Each structure stands twice: as structure tokens, then as C-alpha cells.
Amino acid sequence: MMPTWLYRQDFVKFSLNRHYNPRVWKEMLLAAIGEQFVDFLSKGDDVCGVSVTVRDKNDIVQIWNSDASVNNDIRSKVYHLLPGVKFIAEFYRDKSKSRKTPLSSTVVISCGENVS
């Protein structure tokens, strides 16, 4: 595991009601491990990890990928895996365009890429 502020990858971020978190987190882990995102990524892009941030009101789930410069459709796969889950907000962060401040209680499970 590494701190999120050192992990230089792109990600799609979903904010959700904590009620949904156990189900969403389980599905995201299984999808990442089972390579279910492959058909929703462009050539040259990979899912590098997933993270969850537990907060007082709304939790955050992120799916980390290696290249924002290619078109991918990760969000479509998430909605397909989780029908009925109402996400409060979502956004995509491109590492080349922004540097966000890390959220405090975030755990990242990554593909073990060396960070320099």
C-alpha cells in the first residue's frame, strides 16, 4: 500500500451514501481482481487499483487507471455492476491536469507499481 498523494495515476471517483459502501467496495474489488474492466478500457490503459475512503456522511470509492489520454468507459461498467446504487457525485481526475490534496483515511490497494 502507498499513500494516495504519491500514486501518480488517473482515477474515477464516486461519492456514495455509506449504506451502499459494503456492496460497492466488494463489487469494485471483485471486478478489479477478475479483470472485468478490460472490455471498458482502451488499448494501452489498465486498472491499477481501487481505493475507498470512509467518511462521516458520504464515502468515496475510486478506480485508478494508468492513462487518461485514451478514451475509456469505466463508469459504464460500474453502473452495469451496481444497478440501483445511487451515486451522489462522480468525477474523473487526469494526473496531467491536476494534483488533488489527499483525503485522510484512504486505503489504496494497487498493482504495486513503483512510485518515484
N, C-alpha and C. Protein backbone atom coordinates (compact mmCIF):
# COMPACT_ATOMS: atom_id res chain seq x y z
N MET A 1 0.85 -1.19 0.00
CA MET A 1 0.00 0.00 0.00
C MET A 1 0.88 1.24 0.00
N MET A 2 0.39 2.27 -0.62
CA MET A 2 1.13 3.53 -0.65
C MET A 2 0.14 4.68 -0.46
N PRO A 3 0.63 5.80 0.06
CA PRO A 3 -0.27 6.96 0.24
C PRO A 3 -0.80 7.44 -1.11
N THR A 4 -2.05 7.85 -1.13
CA THR A 4 -2.67 8.26 -2.39
C THR A 4 -2.00 9.47 -3.01
N TRP A 5 -1.42 10.33 -2.23
CA TRP A 5 -0.79 11.51 -2.81
C TRP A 5 0.50 11.17 -3.55
N LEU A 6 1.04 9.95 -3.36
CA LEU A 6 2.22 9.51 -4.10
C LEU A 6 1.86 8.70 -5.33
N TYR A 7 0.62 8.29 -5.43
CA TYR A 7 0.21 7.41 -6.51
C TYR A 7 -0.16 8.26 -7.72
N ARG A 8 0.70 8.28 -8.70
CA ARG A 8 0.53 9.18 -9.85
C ARG A 8 -0.25 8.51 -10.97
N GLN A 9 -1.50 8.29 -10.74
CA GLN A 9 -2.36 7.68 -11.75
C GLN A 9 -3.64 8.51 -11.86
N ASP A 10 -4.40 8.22 -12.88
CA ASP A 10 -5.70 8.86 -13.06
C ASP A 10 -6.72 8.04 -12.29
N PHE A 11 -7.86 8.63 -11.99
CA PHE A 11 -8.91 7.85 -11.34
C PHE A 11 -10.28 8.43 -11.61
N VAL A 12 -11.26 7.55 -11.50
CA VAL A 12 -12.65 7.98 -11.50
C VAL A 12 -13.11 7.83 -10.05
N LYS A 13 -13.78 8.85 -9.56
CA LYS A 13 -14.14 8.93 -8.15
C LYS A 13 -15.65 8.99 -8.03
N PHE A 14 -16.20 8.15 -7.15
CA PHE A 14 -17.64 8.10 -6.90
C PHE A 14 -17.90 8.42 -5.44
N SER A 15 -18.82 9.32 -5.19
CA SER A 15 -19.28 9.62 -3.84
C SER A 15 -20.61 8.90 -3.66
N LEU A 16 -20.77 8.21 -2.52
CA LEU A 16 -21.98 7.44 -2.31
C LEU A 16 -22.39 7.44 -0.85
N ASN A 17 -23.65 7.16 -0.62
CA ASN A 17 -24.17 7.01 0.73
C ASN A 17 -23.50 5.81 1.38
N ARG A 18 -23.11 5.94 2.64
CA ARG A 18 -22.41 4.84 3.33
C ARG A 18 -23.21 3.55 3.33
N HIS A 19 -24.50 3.64 3.22
CA HIS A 19 -25.35 2.44 3.18
C HIS A 19 -24.91 1.50 2.05
N TYR A 20 -24.48 2.06 0.92
CA TYR A 20 -24.09 1.25 -0.23
C TYR A 20 -22.64 0.77 -0.19
N ASN A 21 -21.82 1.34 0.68
CA ASN A 21 -20.39 1.10 0.64
C ASN A 21 -19.97 -0.37 0.67
N PRO A 22 -20.47 -1.21 1.58
CA PRO A 22 -20.01 -2.61 1.58
C PRO A 22 -20.25 -3.32 0.25
N ARG A 23 -21.39 -3.10 -0.33
CA ARG A 23 -21.71 -3.74 -1.62
C ARG A 23 -20.83 -3.18 -2.75
N VAL A 24 -20.70 -1.86 -2.80
CA VAL A 24 -19.91 -1.22 -3.85
C VAL A 24 -18.45 -1.63 -3.73
N TRP A 25 -17.90 -1.58 -2.53
CA TRP A 25 -16.49 -1.93 -2.31
C TRP A 25 -16.23 -3.38 -2.73
N LYS A 26 -17.11 -4.28 -2.34
CA LYS A 26 -16.95 -5.70 -2.72
C LYS A 26 -16.97 -5.86 -4.23
N GLU A 27 -17.93 -5.24 -4.90
CA GLU A 27 -18.04 -5.37 -6.35
C GLU A 27 -16.84 -4.76 -7.08
N MET A 28 -16.34 -3.62 -6.57
CA MET A 28 -15.18 -2.99 -7.20
C MET A 28 -13.93 -3.87 -7.06
N LEU A 29 -13.73 -4.45 -5.87
CA LEU A 29 -12.58 -5.34 -5.68
C LEU A 29 -12.68 -6.56 -6.58
N LEU A 30 -13.84 -7.19 -6.61
CA LEU A 30 -14.00 -8.38 -7.45
C LEU A 30 -13.85 -8.05 -8.93
N ALA A 31 -14.36 -6.90 -9.35
CA ALA A 31 -14.22 -6.50 -10.75
C ALA A 31 -12.76 -6.24 -11.11
N ALA A 32 -12.03 -5.60 -10.21
CA ALA A 32 -10.61 -5.32 -10.48
C ALA A 32 -9.80 -6.61 -10.50
N ILE A 33 -10.01 -7.47 -9.53
CA ILE A 33 -9.28 -8.74 -9.46
C ILE A 33 -9.64 -9.63 -10.65
N GLY A 34 -10.91 -9.67 -10.99
CA GLY A 34 -11.38 -10.51 -12.09
C GLY A 34 -11.21 -9.89 -13.47
N GLU A 35 -10.56 -8.74 -13.53
CA GLU A 35 -10.30 -8.05 -14.80
C GLU A 35 -11.57 -7.78 -15.60
N GLN A 36 -12.64 -7.44 -14.91
CA GLN A 36 -13.91 -7.16 -15.57
C GLN A 36 -13.95 -5.79 -16.26
N PHE A 37 -12.96 -4.95 -15.99
CA PHE A 37 -12.93 -3.63 -16.63
C PHE A 37 -12.25 -3.66 -17.99
N VAL A 38 -11.60 -4.76 -18.34
CA VAL A 38 -10.79 -4.85 -19.56
C VAL A 38 -11.57 -4.42 -20.80
N ASP A 39 -12.79 -4.87 -20.96
CA ASP A 39 -13.58 -4.53 -22.15
C ASP A 39 -14.04 -3.08 -22.16
N PHE A 40 -13.86 -2.38 -21.05
CA PHE A 40 -14.30 -0.99 -20.94
C PHE A 40 -13.13 -0.01 -20.97
N LEU A 41 -11.93 -0.54 -21.21
CA LEU A 41 -10.72 0.28 -21.29
C LEU A 41 -10.22 0.32 -22.72
N SER A 42 -9.55 1.38 -23.06
CA SER A 42 -8.93 1.47 -24.38
C SER A 42 -7.60 0.74 -24.38
N LYS A 43 -7.12 0.45 -25.56
CA LYS A 43 -5.83 -0.22 -25.69
C LYS A 43 -4.76 0.64 -25.02
N GLY A 44 -3.93 0.02 -24.22
CA GLY A 44 -2.86 0.74 -23.53
C GLY A 44 -3.24 1.25 -22.16
N ASP A 45 -4.49 1.09 -21.76
CA ASP A 45 -4.94 1.55 -20.44
C ASP A 45 -5.16 0.33 -19.55
N ASP A 46 -4.91 0.48 -18.26
CA ASP A 46 -5.10 -0.60 -17.29
C ASP A 46 -5.70 -0.04 -16.01
N VAL A 47 -6.47 -0.87 -15.30
CA VAL A 47 -6.89 -0.53 -13.95
C VAL A 47 -5.74 -0.91 -13.04
N CYS A 48 -5.24 0.06 -12.29
CA CYS A 48 -4.07 -0.15 -11.43
C CYS A 48 -4.44 -0.32 -9.97
N GLY A 49 -5.66 -0.02 -9.60
CA GLY A 49 -6.04 -0.18 -8.21
C GLY A 49 -7.42 0.39 -7.94
N VAL A 50 -7.86 0.16 -6.72
CA VAL A 50 -9.12 0.71 -6.24
C VAL A 50 -8.87 1.24 -4.83
N SER A 51 -9.65 2.22 -4.43
CA SER A 51 -9.50 2.75 -3.08
C SER A 51 -10.87 3.10 -2.52
N VAL A 52 -10.94 3.13 -1.21
CA VAL A 52 -12.16 3.53 -0.52
C VAL A 52 -11.77 4.50 0.59
N THR A 53 -12.57 5.53 0.75
CA THR A 53 -12.39 6.48 1.84
C THR A 53 -13.69 6.51 2.63
N VAL A 54 -13.61 6.16 3.89
CA VAL A 54 -14.78 6.14 4.76
C VAL A 54 -14.86 7.50 5.44
N ARG A 55 -16.00 8.15 5.28
CA ARG A 55 -16.21 9.48 5.84
C ARG A 55 -17.46 9.48 6.70
N ASP A 56 -17.70 10.58 7.41
CA ASP A 56 -18.85 10.66 8.29
C ASP A 56 -20.18 10.51 7.57
N LYS A 57 -20.34 11.18 6.45
CA LYS A 57 -21.62 11.14 5.74
C LYS A 57 -21.55 10.28 4.50
N ASN A 58 -20.80 10.71 3.51
CA ASN A 58 -20.72 10.00 2.24
C ASN A 58 -19.33 9.42 2.05
N ASP A 59 -19.26 8.18 1.63
CA ASP A 59 -17.98 7.53 1.38
C ASP A 59 -17.54 7.78 -0.06
N ILE A 60 -16.26 7.55 -0.32
CA ILE A 60 -15.68 7.76 -1.64
C ILE A 60 -15.05 6.45 -2.10
N VAL A 61 -15.37 6.04 -3.32
CA VAL A 61 -14.73 4.88 -3.94
C VAL A 61 -14.06 5.38 -5.21
N GLN A 62 -12.81 4.95 -5.42
CA GLN A 62 -12.06 5.38 -6.61
C GLN A 62 -11.52 4.16 -7.35
N ILE A 63 -11.50 4.27 -8.65
CA ILE A 63 -10.90 3.25 -9.51
C ILE A 63 -9.75 3.94 -10.23
N TRP A 64 -8.53 3.43 -10.02
CA TRP A 64 -7.32 4.04 -10.55
C TRP A 64 -6.96 3.39 -11.88
N ASN A 65 -6.66 4.21 -12.87
CA ASN A 65 -6.22 3.67 -14.16
C ASN A 65 -4.96 4.38 -14.63
N SER A 66 -4.29 3.78 -15.60
CA SER A 66 -2.95 4.25 -15.96
C SER A 66 -2.90 5.38 -16.97
N ASP A 67 -3.94 5.59 -17.77
CA ASP A 67 -3.81 6.58 -18.84
C ASP A 67 -5.13 7.26 -19.17
N ALA A 68 -5.23 8.53 -18.81
CA ALA A 68 -6.45 9.30 -19.10
C ALA A 68 -6.48 9.82 -20.53
N SER A 69 -5.34 9.74 -21.20
CA SER A 69 -5.30 10.30 -22.55
C SER A 69 -6.07 9.45 -23.56
N VAL A 70 -6.39 8.22 -23.19
CA VAL A 70 -7.19 7.37 -24.07
C VAL A 70 -8.62 7.33 -23.55
N ASN A 71 -9.56 7.16 -24.44
CA ASN A 71 -10.96 7.09 -24.03
C ASN A 71 -11.23 5.75 -23.37
N ASN A 72 -11.88 5.78 -22.22
CA ASN A 72 -12.31 4.55 -21.59
C ASN A 72 -13.72 4.75 -21.05
N ASP A 73 -14.33 3.68 -20.65
CA ASP A 73 -15.73 3.74 -20.23
C ASP A 73 -15.91 3.01 -18.90
N ILE A 74 -15.01 3.27 -17.96
CA ILE A 74 -15.06 2.61 -16.65
C ILE A 74 -16.39 2.87 -15.96
N ARG A 75 -16.89 4.10 -16.07
CA ARG A 75 -18.15 4.43 -15.39
C ARG A 75 -19.31 3.55 -15.87
N SER A 76 -19.36 3.25 -17.15
CA SER A 76 -20.43 2.38 -17.66
C SER A 76 -20.38 1.01 -17.00
N LYS A 77 -19.18 0.48 -16.81
CA LYS A 77 -19.05 -0.83 -16.16
C LYS A 77 -19.51 -0.76 -14.71
N VAL A 78 -19.17 0.32 -14.02
CA VAL A 78 -19.59 0.48 -12.63
C VAL A 78 -21.12 0.50 -12.55
N TYR A 79 -21.77 1.26 -13.42
CA TYR A 79 -23.23 1.31 -13.41
C TYR A 79 -23.84 -0.04 -13.78
N HIS A 80 -23.18 -0.77 -14.66
CA HIS A 80 -23.65 -2.11 -15.03
C HIS A 80 -23.53 -3.08 -13.85
N LEU A 81 -22.43 -3.01 -13.11
CA LEU A 81 -22.21 -3.89 -11.96
C LEU A 81 -23.12 -3.55 -10.79
N LEU A 82 -23.52 -2.30 -10.68
CA LEU A 82 -24.23 -1.83 -9.50
C LEU A 82 -25.54 -1.13 -9.84
N PRO A 83 -26.46 -1.83 -10.50
CA PRO A 83 -27.75 -1.20 -10.79
C PRO A 83 -28.48 -0.89 -9.48
N GLY A 84 -29.10 0.23 -9.43
CA GLY A 84 -29.84 0.60 -8.23
C GLY A 84 -29.04 1.40 -7.22
N VAL A 85 -27.72 1.44 -7.35
CA VAL A 85 -26.91 2.25 -6.45
C VAL A 85 -26.97 3.69 -6.94
N LYS A 86 -27.33 4.58 -6.06
CA LYS A 86 -27.43 6.00 -6.40
C LYS A 86 -26.14 6.70 -5.96
N PHE A 87 -25.31 7.05 -6.93
CA PHE A 87 -24.09 7.78 -6.63
C PHE A 87 -24.43 9.26 -6.48
N ILE A 88 -23.89 9.89 -5.46
CA ILE A 88 -24.16 11.29 -5.18
C ILE A 88 -23.42 12.19 -6.17
N ALA A 89 -22.19 11.82 -6.46
CA ALA A 89 -21.37 12.60 -7.39
C ALA A 89 -20.29 11.69 -7.96
N GLU A 90 -19.71 12.13 -9.07
CA GLU A 90 -18.59 11.41 -9.66
C GLU A 90 -17.76 12.39 -10.46
N PHE A 91 -16.47 12.12 -10.55
CA PHE A 91 -15.63 12.90 -11.44
C PHE A 91 -14.40 12.10 -11.81
N TYR A 92 -13.76 12.53 -12.87
CA TYR A 92 -12.55 11.87 -13.36
C TYR A 92 -11.37 12.82 -13.18
N ARG A 93 -10.28 12.31 -12.61
CA ARG A 93 -9.08 13.13 -12.46
C ARG A 93 -8.00 12.64 -13.40
N ASP A 94 -7.51 13.54 -14.20
CA ASP A 94 -6.41 13.28 -15.12
C ASP A 94 -5.13 13.78 -14.44
N LYS A 95 -4.19 12.88 -14.19
CA LYS A 95 -2.96 13.24 -13.47
C LYS A 95 -2.18 14.37 -14.13
N SER A 96 -2.31 14.50 -15.44
CA SER A 96 -1.56 15.54 -16.14
C SER A 96 -2.18 16.92 -15.99
N LYS A 97 -3.42 16.97 -15.50
CA LYS A 97 -4.11 18.26 -15.42
C LYS A 97 -4.32 18.77 -14.00
N SER A 98 -4.21 17.90 -12.99
CA SER A 98 -4.48 18.36 -11.64
C SER A 98 -3.71 17.57 -10.61
N ARG A 99 -3.59 18.14 -9.44
CA ARG A 99 -2.96 17.49 -8.30
C ARG A 99 -3.86 17.76 -7.11
N LYS A 100 -4.63 16.78 -6.70
CA LYS A 100 -5.58 16.96 -5.61
C LYS A 100 -4.90 16.70 -4.26
N THR A 101 -5.38 17.35 -3.22
CA THR A 101 -4.92 17.08 -1.87
C THR A 101 -5.51 15.76 -1.43
N PRO A 102 -4.70 14.89 -0.78
CA PRO A 102 -5.21 13.58 -0.38
C PRO A 102 -6.29 13.68 0.69
N LEU A 103 -7.19 12.71 0.66
CA LEU A 103 -8.20 12.60 1.71
C LEU A 103 -7.59 11.78 2.84
N SER A 104 -7.88 12.09 4.06
CA SER A 104 -7.28 11.39 5.19
C SER A 104 -7.70 9.95 5.34
N SER A 105 -8.15 9.17 5.67
CA SER A 105 -8.38 7.75 5.90
C SER A 105 -8.58 6.93 4.62
N THR A 106 -7.72 7.17 3.63
CA THR A 106 -7.85 6.44 2.37
C THR A 106 -6.92 5.23 2.37
N VAL A 107 -7.42 4.11 1.93
CA VAL A 107 -6.61 2.90 1.77
C VAL A 107 -6.55 2.60 0.29
N VAL A 108 -5.36 2.40 -0.23
CA VAL A 108 -5.19 2.10 -1.65
C VAL A 108 -4.64 0.70 -1.79
N ILE A 109 -5.27 -0.09 -2.63
CA ILE A 109 -4.75 -1.40 -2.99
C ILE A 109 -4.37 -1.28 -4.44
N SER A 110 -3.09 -1.34 -4.72
CA SER A 110 -2.63 -1.06 -6.08
C SER A 110 -1.94 -2.26 -6.70
N CYS A 111 -1.58 -2.09 -7.97
CA CYS A 111 -0.92 -3.15 -8.70
C CYS A 111 0.57 -3.20 -8.40
N GLY A 112 1.04 -2.43 -7.43
CA GLY A 112 2.43 -2.50 -7.00
C GLY A 112 3.40 -1.74 -7.87
N GLU A 113 2.92 -0.79 -8.63
CA GLU A 113 3.78 0.00 -9.49
C GLU A 113 4.73 0.83 -8.63
N ASN A 114 5.97 0.91 -9.04
CA ASN A 114 6.97 1.67 -8.32
C ASN A 114 6.71 3.15 -8.52
N VAL A 115 6.68 3.90 -7.43
CA VAL A 115 6.42 5.34 -7.49
C VAL A 115 7.72 6.07 -7.26
N SER A 116 8.05 6.99 -8.16
CA SER A 116 9.28 7.77 -7.98
C SER A 116 8.98 9.24 -7.97
